[in-house]
Amino acid sequence: MHFEFDLNRHMNMQSIEAILRLSLEQLDNKHDATSRKHAIDRSSAQAWWDDLKTKNHSTYLFEQENGLYVVSWYSQWQKELLEGALDWCVDSTNHTYKQMTDSNLAFMLTSNEIIPNRVKWLNHLKQHNNLNVQRIMIDCSTTEINAIRKVFGDTVDNILCYWHIKRA
C-alpha cells in the first residue's frame, strides 16, 4: 500500500508515511571514518547521542551491563512529521522497501534486534509523542510484530512487506 504525499499541496501531516530505520548495519554501510566519534561502536554511538542531545534532538539511550543497548534520535521537524503520520514503514533490512518519503523520520540503533529492545524504542516514541499511527509496514519479522503488539495492542495494524512475503 503506497500513499502519495505532497506537503506543499496538501499541508496534511496525516498523509505522511514515516520511515523508521533500525539497523546499525545500514549506517555502517554508509559512513566513513570521519563519521566515527570513537573506534568502538558503543562509544561512538554514545558520543553521537551526546552531540544530538546538545542540538535539541529527541534522544533515547538504554544500556545494560550485559552489552544490550538501544540508541534513538529524531529532530524537532522529524517529530512533527512522525506525530502526524498515519502510516509507518519500519525497515530493518537495508534497501528492501520502496522509499515513501524524502526523509527518514526516526532512527534506532541496537545491539540486538530482540523484542525487549524494540519495545523500549517503541514505548519511548509512544510516551514522548502524540502519535496518530494506524498502520506499520514491517519486514515480516516476528520480533517486530510482537513488539508492535506489546506497545500498541490492537490499535495499530501490522502490514507485511511484499518483498519479504515474496521471498518467504
N, C-alpha and C. Protein backbone atom coordinates (compact mmCIF):
# COMPACT_ATOMS: atom_id res chain seq x y z
N MET A 1 0.85 -1.16 0.00
CA MET A 1 0.00 0.00 0.00
C MET A 1 0.90 1.24 0.00
N HIS A 2 0.66 2.16 -0.91
CA HIS A 2 1.50 3.35 -1.02
C HIS A 2 0.61 4.58 -1.05
N PHE A 3 0.91 5.56 -0.23
CA PHE A 3 0.14 6.79 -0.17
C PHE A 3 1.04 7.92 -0.64
N GLU A 4 0.61 8.68 -1.63
CA GLU A 4 1.39 9.80 -2.14
C GLU A 4 1.26 10.98 -1.17
N PHE A 5 2.33 11.72 -1.01
CA PHE A 5 2.32 12.86 -0.11
C PHE A 5 2.99 14.05 -0.78
N ASP A 6 2.35 15.16 -0.77
CA ASP A 6 2.90 16.41 -1.29
C ASP A 6 2.63 17.48 -0.25
N LEU A 7 3.63 17.76 0.60
CA LEU A 7 3.47 18.70 1.71
C LEU A 7 3.06 20.07 1.21
N ASN A 8 3.65 20.54 0.12
CA ASN A 8 3.33 21.87 -0.38
C ASN A 8 1.87 21.97 -0.85
N ARG A 9 1.34 20.89 -1.43
CA ARG A 9 -0.02 20.93 -1.96
C ARG A 9 -1.07 20.64 -0.89
N HIS A 10 -0.82 19.65 -0.06
CA HIS A 10 -1.85 19.22 0.89
C HIS A 10 -1.69 19.80 2.29
N MET A 11 -0.48 20.03 2.72
CA MET A 11 -0.21 20.51 4.07
C MET A 11 -0.96 19.67 5.10
N ASN A 12 -0.95 18.36 4.92
CA ASN A 12 -1.67 17.45 5.80
C ASN A 12 -0.70 16.40 6.31
N MET A 13 -0.33 16.50 7.55
CA MET A 13 0.64 15.59 8.14
C MET A 13 0.15 14.14 8.15
N GLN A 14 -1.15 13.91 8.11
CA GLN A 14 -1.68 12.56 8.19
C GLN A 14 -1.40 11.74 6.94
N SER A 15 -0.95 12.35 5.88
CA SER A 15 -0.66 11.62 4.65
C SER A 15 0.77 11.12 4.58
N ILE A 16 1.56 11.43 5.57
CA ILE A 16 2.98 11.08 5.54
C ILE A 16 3.20 9.65 6.01
N GLU A 17 4.01 8.92 5.31
CA GLU A 17 4.46 7.64 5.83
C GLU A 17 5.80 7.87 6.51
N ALA A 18 5.94 7.44 7.74
CA ALA A 18 7.17 7.62 8.49
C ALA A 18 8.06 6.40 8.28
N ILE A 19 9.24 6.64 7.79
CA ILE A 19 10.18 5.55 7.58
C ILE A 19 11.15 5.54 8.75
N LEU A 20 11.16 4.45 9.43
CA LEU A 20 11.96 4.31 10.64
C LEU A 20 13.05 3.28 10.37
N ARG A 21 14.22 3.73 10.30
CA ARG A 21 15.33 2.83 10.03
C ARG A 21 15.87 2.28 11.33
N LEU A 22 16.18 1.01 11.35
CA LEU A 22 16.52 0.39 12.60
C LEU A 22 17.92 -0.20 12.73
N SER A 23 18.55 -0.61 11.68
CA SER A 23 19.72 -1.44 11.90
C SER A 23 21.04 -0.69 11.80
N LEU A 24 21.93 -1.04 12.67
CA LEU A 24 23.27 -0.46 12.70
C LEU A 24 24.00 -0.75 11.40
N GLU A 25 23.73 -1.91 10.79
CA GLU A 25 24.40 -2.27 9.55
C GLU A 25 24.11 -1.26 8.44
N GLN A 26 22.91 -0.73 8.40
CA GLN A 26 22.57 0.26 7.38
C GLN A 26 23.47 1.47 7.49
N LEU A 27 23.69 1.93 8.71
CA LEU A 27 24.54 3.09 8.89
C LEU A 27 26.00 2.74 8.65
N ASP A 28 26.41 1.55 9.06
CA ASP A 28 27.79 1.13 8.84
C ASP A 28 28.12 1.14 7.35
N ASN A 29 27.17 0.77 6.50
CA ASN A 29 27.41 0.74 5.06
C ASN A 29 27.58 2.14 4.48
N LYS A 30 27.07 3.15 5.14
CA LYS A 30 27.06 4.49 4.57
C LYS A 30 28.06 5.45 5.20
N HIS A 31 28.64 5.10 6.31
CA HIS A 31 29.53 6.06 6.95
C HIS A 31 30.99 5.77 6.64
N ASP A 32 31.80 6.78 6.83
CA ASP A 32 33.23 6.59 6.65
C ASP A 32 33.92 6.96 7.95
N ALA A 33 35.23 6.95 7.94
CA ALA A 33 35.99 7.18 9.17
C ALA A 33 35.69 8.53 9.81
N THR A 34 35.33 9.53 9.03
CA THR A 34 35.08 10.85 9.61
C THR A 34 33.78 10.90 10.40
N SER A 35 32.87 9.96 10.19
CA SER A 35 31.61 9.97 10.93
C SER A 35 31.71 9.25 12.27
N ARG A 36 32.81 8.58 12.50
CA ARG A 36 33.00 7.88 13.77
C ARG A 36 33.57 8.83 14.79
N LYS A 37 32.98 8.86 15.95
CA LYS A 37 33.49 9.68 17.03
C LYS A 37 34.39 8.88 17.96
N HIS A 38 34.41 7.56 17.77
CA HIS A 38 35.26 6.68 18.56
C HIS A 38 35.42 5.36 17.80
N ALA A 39 36.53 4.68 17.99
CA ALA A 39 36.79 3.42 17.28
C ALA A 39 35.85 2.30 17.73
N ILE A 40 35.39 2.35 18.96
CA ILE A 40 34.48 1.33 19.49
C ILE A 40 33.04 1.79 19.19
N ASP A 41 32.25 0.92 18.54
CA ASP A 41 30.89 1.28 18.13
C ASP A 41 30.06 1.85 19.28
N ARG A 42 30.08 1.20 20.41
CA ARG A 42 29.27 1.64 21.55
C ARG A 42 29.67 3.04 22.00
N SER A 43 30.96 3.30 22.07
CA SER A 43 31.45 4.62 22.48
C SER A 43 31.14 5.67 21.42
N SER A 44 31.23 5.30 20.16
CA SER A 44 30.89 6.21 19.08
C SER A 44 29.40 6.57 19.13
N ALA A 45 28.55 5.57 19.37
CA ALA A 45 27.11 5.81 19.48
C ALA A 45 26.81 6.74 20.64
N GLN A 46 27.49 6.54 21.77
CA GLN A 46 27.29 7.41 22.94
C GLN A 46 27.71 8.84 22.62
N ALA A 47 28.81 9.01 21.93
CA ALA A 47 29.29 10.35 21.57
C ALA A 47 28.32 11.05 20.62
N TRP A 48 27.80 10.29 19.64
CA TRP A 48 26.80 10.87 18.73
C TRP A 48 25.53 11.25 19.48
N TRP A 49 25.11 10.38 20.39
CA TRP A 49 23.91 10.65 21.20
C TRP A 49 24.09 11.94 21.99
N ASP A 50 25.24 12.08 22.63
CA ASP A 50 25.52 13.31 23.39
C ASP A 50 25.49 14.54 22.48
N ASP A 51 26.06 14.43 21.30
CA ASP A 51 26.09 15.53 20.35
C ASP A 51 24.67 15.91 19.90
N LEU A 52 23.86 14.92 19.57
CA LEU A 52 22.48 15.18 19.14
C LEU A 52 21.66 15.82 20.26
N LYS A 53 21.89 15.39 21.47
CA LYS A 53 21.16 15.94 22.61
C LYS A 53 21.45 17.44 22.78
N THR A 54 22.68 17.84 22.53
CA THR A 54 23.03 19.27 22.64
C THR A 54 22.37 20.10 21.55
N LYS A 55 21.92 19.45 20.47
CA LYS A 55 21.26 20.14 19.36
C LYS A 55 19.74 20.07 19.46
N ASN A 56 19.23 19.75 20.66
CA ASN A 56 17.80 19.67 20.95
C ASN A 56 17.06 18.60 20.16
N HIS A 57 17.74 17.54 19.79
CA HIS A 57 17.06 16.40 19.18
C HIS A 57 16.41 15.59 20.30
N SER A 58 15.31 14.93 19.99
CA SER A 58 14.74 13.97 20.93
C SER A 58 15.66 12.76 20.91
N THR A 59 16.13 12.37 22.07
CA THR A 59 17.09 11.27 22.14
C THR A 59 16.66 10.27 23.20
N TYR A 60 17.12 9.05 23.02
CA TYR A 60 16.84 7.98 23.97
C TYR A 60 18.05 7.06 23.99
N LEU A 61 18.50 6.72 25.19
CA LEU A 61 19.61 5.79 25.34
C LEU A 61 19.27 4.82 26.45
N PHE A 62 19.36 3.53 26.14
CA PHE A 62 19.16 2.47 27.11
C PHE A 62 20.38 1.57 27.02
N GLU A 63 20.99 1.31 28.17
CA GLU A 63 22.17 0.43 28.20
C GLU A 63 22.04 -0.56 29.35
N GLN A 64 22.58 -1.74 29.14
CA GLN A 64 22.67 -2.73 30.20
C GLN A 64 24.11 -3.21 30.29
N GLU A 65 24.49 -3.67 31.47
CA GLU A 65 25.86 -4.15 31.68
C GLU A 65 26.21 -5.33 30.77
N ASN A 66 25.21 -6.12 30.38
CA ASN A 66 25.48 -7.30 29.54
C ASN A 66 25.73 -6.94 28.08
N GLY A 67 25.74 -5.64 27.75
CA GLY A 67 26.06 -5.22 26.40
C GLY A 67 24.87 -4.79 25.56
N LEU A 68 23.65 -5.06 26.02
CA LEU A 68 22.48 -4.63 25.26
C LEU A 68 22.36 -3.11 25.30
N TYR A 69 22.03 -2.52 24.16
CA TYR A 69 21.78 -1.09 24.13
C TYR A 69 20.79 -0.73 23.03
N VAL A 70 20.13 0.39 23.24
CA VAL A 70 19.24 0.98 22.26
C VAL A 70 19.54 2.47 22.24
N VAL A 71 19.80 3.01 21.07
CA VAL A 71 20.02 4.44 20.89
C VAL A 71 19.01 4.92 19.86
N SER A 72 18.32 6.00 20.15
CA SER A 72 17.32 6.52 19.22
C SER A 72 17.38 8.03 19.20
N TRP A 73 17.06 8.62 18.03
CA TRP A 73 17.04 10.07 17.92
C TRP A 73 16.18 10.53 16.76
N TYR A 74 15.69 11.76 16.88
CA TYR A 74 14.99 12.44 15.80
C TYR A 74 14.95 13.93 16.14
N SER A 75 14.92 14.75 15.10
CA SER A 75 14.92 16.20 15.27
C SER A 75 13.49 16.71 15.50
N GLN A 76 13.37 18.00 15.79
CA GLN A 76 12.05 18.58 16.02
C GLN A 76 11.17 18.50 14.76
N TRP A 77 11.74 18.78 13.58
CA TRP A 77 10.93 18.71 12.37
C TRP A 77 10.52 17.27 12.07
N GLN A 78 11.40 16.31 12.39
CA GLN A 78 11.05 14.91 12.20
C GLN A 78 9.94 14.50 13.18
N LYS A 79 10.01 15.02 14.41
CA LYS A 79 8.98 14.74 15.42
C LYS A 79 7.61 15.19 14.92
N GLU A 80 7.53 16.37 14.34
CA GLU A 80 6.26 16.89 13.84
C GLU A 80 5.69 16.00 12.74
N LEU A 81 6.53 15.54 11.84
CA LEU A 81 6.07 14.65 10.77
C LEU A 81 5.68 13.28 11.33
N LEU A 82 6.47 12.79 12.27
CA LEU A 82 6.21 11.49 12.90
C LEU A 82 4.86 11.50 13.61
N GLU A 83 4.56 12.57 14.31
CA GLU A 83 3.30 12.65 15.05
C GLU A 83 2.09 12.70 14.12
N GLY A 84 2.24 13.27 12.93
CA GLY A 84 1.13 13.36 12.01
C GLY A 84 0.95 12.16 11.12
N ALA A 85 1.90 11.27 11.09
CA ALA A 85 1.87 10.13 10.16
C ALA A 85 0.88 9.06 10.61
N LEU A 86 0.03 8.63 9.69
CA LEU A 86 -0.88 7.51 9.94
C LEU A 86 -0.20 6.18 9.62
N ASP A 87 0.75 6.21 8.70
CA ASP A 87 1.43 5.00 8.23
C ASP A 87 2.93 5.12 8.45
N TRP A 88 3.50 4.06 9.01
CA TRP A 88 4.95 3.98 9.18
C TRP A 88 5.46 2.79 8.39
N CYS A 89 6.72 2.87 8.02
CA CYS A 89 7.43 1.72 7.46
C CYS A 89 8.67 1.53 8.31
N VAL A 90 8.74 0.41 9.00
CA VAL A 90 9.90 0.08 9.82
C VAL A 90 10.78 -0.82 8.99
N ASP A 91 11.95 -0.34 8.63
CA ASP A 91 12.83 -1.07 7.73
C ASP A 91 14.10 -1.49 8.46
N SER A 92 14.24 -2.76 8.72
CA SER A 92 15.47 -3.24 9.33
C SER A 92 16.28 -4.10 8.37
N THR A 93 15.85 -4.19 7.13
CA THR A 93 16.61 -4.87 6.09
C THR A 93 16.94 -3.81 5.03
N ASN A 94 18.18 -3.48 4.94
CA ASN A 94 18.63 -2.35 4.13
C ASN A 94 18.16 -2.43 2.68
N HIS A 95 17.51 -1.36 2.21
CA HIS A 95 17.11 -1.17 0.81
C HIS A 95 16.12 -2.21 0.28
N THR A 96 15.25 -2.73 1.14
CA THR A 96 14.25 -3.68 0.65
C THR A 96 12.86 -3.06 0.63
N TYR A 97 12.73 -1.81 0.96
CA TYR A 97 11.45 -1.14 0.93
C TYR A 97 11.48 -0.10 -0.18
N LYS A 98 10.32 0.33 -0.59
CA LYS A 98 10.23 1.43 -1.54
C LYS A 98 10.24 2.74 -0.75
N GLN A 99 11.13 3.64 -1.10
CA GLN A 99 11.21 4.92 -0.40
C GLN A 99 9.85 5.61 -0.47
N MET A 100 9.25 5.93 0.66
CA MET A 100 7.93 6.53 0.70
C MET A 100 7.97 8.02 0.96
N THR A 101 9.04 8.48 1.55
CA THR A 101 9.20 9.92 1.78
C THR A 101 10.63 10.29 1.41
N ASP A 102 10.90 11.57 1.39
CA ASP A 102 12.26 12.02 1.12
C ASP A 102 13.15 11.94 2.34
N SER A 103 12.57 11.72 3.49
CA SER A 103 13.33 11.75 4.73
C SER A 103 12.99 10.58 5.63
N ASN A 104 13.98 10.15 6.40
CA ASN A 104 13.75 9.20 7.47
C ASN A 104 13.32 10.01 8.68
N LEU A 105 12.34 9.53 9.41
CA LEU A 105 11.75 10.34 10.46
C LEU A 105 12.17 9.96 11.87
N ALA A 106 12.80 8.84 12.04
CA ALA A 106 13.35 8.47 13.34
C ALA A 106 14.39 7.38 13.09
N PHE A 107 15.33 7.29 14.00
CA PHE A 107 16.40 6.31 13.85
C PHE A 107 16.55 5.54 15.16
N MET A 108 16.95 4.27 15.04
CA MET A 108 17.23 3.47 16.21
C MET A 108 18.39 2.54 15.89
N LEU A 109 19.36 2.54 16.75
CA LEU A 109 20.48 1.60 16.67
C LEU A 109 20.35 0.68 17.87
N THR A 110 20.61 -0.59 17.66
CA THR A 110 20.51 -1.54 18.76
C THR A 110 21.59 -2.60 18.65
N SER A 111 21.98 -3.13 19.78
CA SER A 111 22.97 -4.20 19.82
C SER A 111 22.37 -5.52 19.34
N ASN A 112 21.07 -5.70 19.57
CA ASN A 112 20.38 -6.94 19.19
C ASN A 112 18.95 -6.61 18.77
N GLU A 113 18.51 -7.19 17.69
CA GLU A 113 17.14 -6.98 17.25
C GLU A 113 16.26 -8.02 17.94
N ILE A 114 15.97 -7.72 19.22
CA ILE A 114 15.14 -8.61 20.04
C ILE A 114 13.93 -7.82 20.53
N ILE A 115 12.89 -8.55 20.92
CA ILE A 115 11.63 -7.91 21.32
C ILE A 115 11.82 -6.85 22.40
N PRO A 116 12.53 -7.13 23.51
CA PRO A 116 12.64 -6.09 24.55
C PRO A 116 13.28 -4.79 24.05
N ASN A 117 14.26 -4.87 23.16
CA ASN A 117 14.88 -3.66 22.63
C ASN A 117 13.91 -2.88 21.75
N ARG A 118 13.16 -3.59 20.91
CA ARG A 118 12.16 -2.93 20.07
C ARG A 118 11.06 -2.30 20.92
N VAL A 119 10.64 -3.01 21.97
CA VAL A 119 9.60 -2.49 22.85
C VAL A 119 10.08 -1.21 23.54
N LYS A 120 11.31 -1.20 24.00
CA LYS A 120 11.85 0.01 24.65
C LYS A 120 11.79 1.20 23.69
N TRP A 121 12.21 0.99 22.45
CA TRP A 121 12.22 2.07 21.46
C TRP A 121 10.81 2.55 21.13
N LEU A 122 9.91 1.60 20.84
CA LEU A 122 8.53 1.97 20.50
C LEU A 122 7.83 2.64 21.68
N ASN A 123 8.08 2.16 22.89
CA ASN A 123 7.50 2.80 24.08
C ASN A 123 8.00 4.23 24.21
N HIS A 124 9.28 4.44 23.95
CA HIS A 124 9.83 5.79 24.01
C HIS A 124 9.11 6.70 23.00
N LEU A 125 8.94 6.22 21.77
CA LEU A 125 8.24 7.02 20.76
C LEU A 125 6.81 7.31 21.20
N LYS A 126 6.14 6.31 21.73
CA LYS A 126 4.75 6.47 22.14
C LYS A 126 4.61 7.42 23.32
N GLN A 127 5.49 7.31 24.31
CA GLN A 127 5.38 8.11 25.53
C GLN A 127 5.79 9.56 25.34
N HIS A 128 6.61 9.85 24.33
CA HIS A 128 7.14 11.20 24.15
C HIS A 128 6.58 11.92 22.94
N ASN A 129 5.54 11.36 22.33
CA ASN A 129 4.95 11.97 21.14
C ASN A 129 3.44 11.77 21.16
N ASN A 130 2.76 12.60 20.43
CA ASN A 130 1.33 12.48 20.26
C ASN A 130 1.10 11.76 18.92
N LEU A 131 1.20 10.44 18.96
CA LEU A 131 1.19 9.64 17.73
C LEU A 131 -0.22 9.38 17.21
N ASN A 132 -0.33 9.33 15.89
CA ASN A 132 -1.58 9.01 15.22
C ASN A 132 -1.46 7.77 14.34
N VAL A 133 -0.37 7.04 14.47
CA VAL A 133 -0.08 5.90 13.61
C VAL A 133 -1.22 4.88 13.68
N GLN A 134 -1.62 4.37 12.51
CA GLN A 134 -2.65 3.35 12.41
C GLN A 134 -2.15 2.06 11.79
N ARG A 135 -1.12 2.16 10.94
CA ARG A 135 -0.57 1.01 10.25
C ARG A 135 0.96 1.10 10.25
N ILE A 136 1.60 -0.07 10.45
CA ILE A 136 3.05 -0.12 10.38
C ILE A 136 3.43 -1.27 9.45
N MET A 137 4.13 -0.92 8.36
CA MET A 137 4.65 -1.95 7.45
C MET A 137 5.98 -2.44 8.01
N ILE A 138 6.12 -3.76 8.09
CA ILE A 138 7.32 -4.35 8.67
C ILE A 138 7.89 -5.40 7.73
N ASP A 139 9.06 -5.92 8.09
CA ASP A 139 9.80 -6.88 7.28
C ASP A 139 9.41 -8.34 7.52
N CYS A 140 8.20 -8.62 7.93
CA CYS A 140 7.76 -9.99 8.23
C CYS A 140 8.54 -10.60 9.39
N SER A 141 8.90 -9.79 10.34
CA SER A 141 9.68 -10.22 11.48
C SER A 141 8.77 -10.45 12.68
N THR A 142 8.86 -11.63 13.28
CA THR A 142 8.06 -11.90 14.48
C THR A 142 8.48 -10.99 15.62
N THR A 143 9.74 -10.60 15.65
CA THR A 143 10.21 -9.65 16.66
C THR A 143 9.46 -8.33 16.51
N GLU A 144 9.37 -7.82 15.30
CA GLU A 144 8.66 -6.56 15.06
C GLU A 144 7.18 -6.69 15.36
N ILE A 145 6.56 -7.78 14.90
CA ILE A 145 5.13 -8.00 15.15
C ILE A 145 4.85 -7.99 16.65
N ASN A 146 5.62 -8.76 17.41
CA ASN A 146 5.39 -8.86 18.85
C ASN A 146 5.66 -7.55 19.58
N ALA A 147 6.70 -6.83 19.19
CA ALA A 147 6.99 -5.55 19.83
C ALA A 147 5.88 -4.53 19.57
N ILE A 148 5.40 -4.47 18.34
CA ILE A 148 4.32 -3.55 17.99
C ILE A 148 3.06 -3.90 18.77
N ARG A 149 2.74 -5.17 18.88
CA ARG A 149 1.55 -5.59 19.64
C ARG A 149 1.68 -5.25 21.12
N LYS A 150 2.89 -5.45 21.68
CA LYS A 150 3.08 -5.14 23.10
C LYS A 150 2.90 -3.65 23.38
N VAL A 151 3.33 -2.80 22.47
CA VAL A 151 3.29 -1.36 22.69
C VAL A 151 1.94 -0.76 22.27
N PHE A 152 1.43 -1.16 21.12
CA PHE A 152 0.23 -0.53 20.58
C PHE A 152 -1.03 -1.39 20.69
N GLY A 153 -0.90 -2.64 21.08
CA GLY A 153 -2.06 -3.52 21.17
C GLY A 153 -2.74 -3.66 19.82
N ASP A 154 -4.07 -3.62 19.83
CA ASP A 154 -4.84 -3.77 18.59
C ASP A 154 -5.11 -2.44 17.91
N THR A 155 -4.54 -1.36 18.40
CA THR A 155 -4.83 -0.04 17.82
C THR A 155 -4.04 0.22 16.55
N VAL A 156 -3.01 -0.59 16.28
CA VAL A 156 -2.17 -0.41 15.09
C VAL A 156 -2.12 -1.73 14.33
N ASP A 157 -2.35 -1.65 13.03
CA ASP A 157 -2.28 -2.83 12.16
C ASP A 157 -0.86 -3.05 11.68
N ASN A 158 -0.43 -4.32 11.68
CA ASN A 158 0.84 -4.70 11.06
C ASN A 158 0.58 -5.03 9.60
N ILE A 159 1.35 -4.43 8.71
CA ILE A 159 1.28 -4.75 7.28
C ILE A 159 2.63 -5.36 6.91
N LEU A 160 2.60 -6.54 6.30
CA LEU A 160 3.83 -7.21 5.95
C LEU A 160 4.34 -6.74 4.59
N CYS A 161 5.64 -6.54 4.51
CA CYS A 161 6.30 -6.06 3.30
C CYS A 161 6.19 -7.10 2.18
N TYR A 162 5.72 -6.66 1.02
CA TYR A 162 5.54 -7.54 -0.13
C TYR A 162 6.85 -8.21 -0.53
N TRP A 163 7.94 -7.46 -0.52
CA TRP A 163 9.25 -8.00 -0.89
C TRP A 163 9.60 -9.19 -0.01
N HIS A 164 9.33 -9.08 1.30
CA HIS A 164 9.65 -10.16 2.21
C HIS A 164 8.68 -11.34 2.08
N ILE A 165 7.41 -11.04 1.85
CA ILE A 165 6.43 -12.10 1.66
C ILE A 165 6.82 -12.93 0.44
N LYS A 166 7.20 -12.26 -0.62
CA LYS A 166 7.57 -12.92 -1.87
C LYS A 166 8.77 -13.85 -1.68
N ARG A 167 9.64 -13.53 -0.79
CA ARG A 167 10.85 -14.32 -0.56
C ARG A 167 10.74 -15.29 0.60
N ALA A 168 9.59 -15.33 1.25
CA ALA A 168 9.42 -16.22 2.41
C ALA A 168 9.30 -17.67 1.97
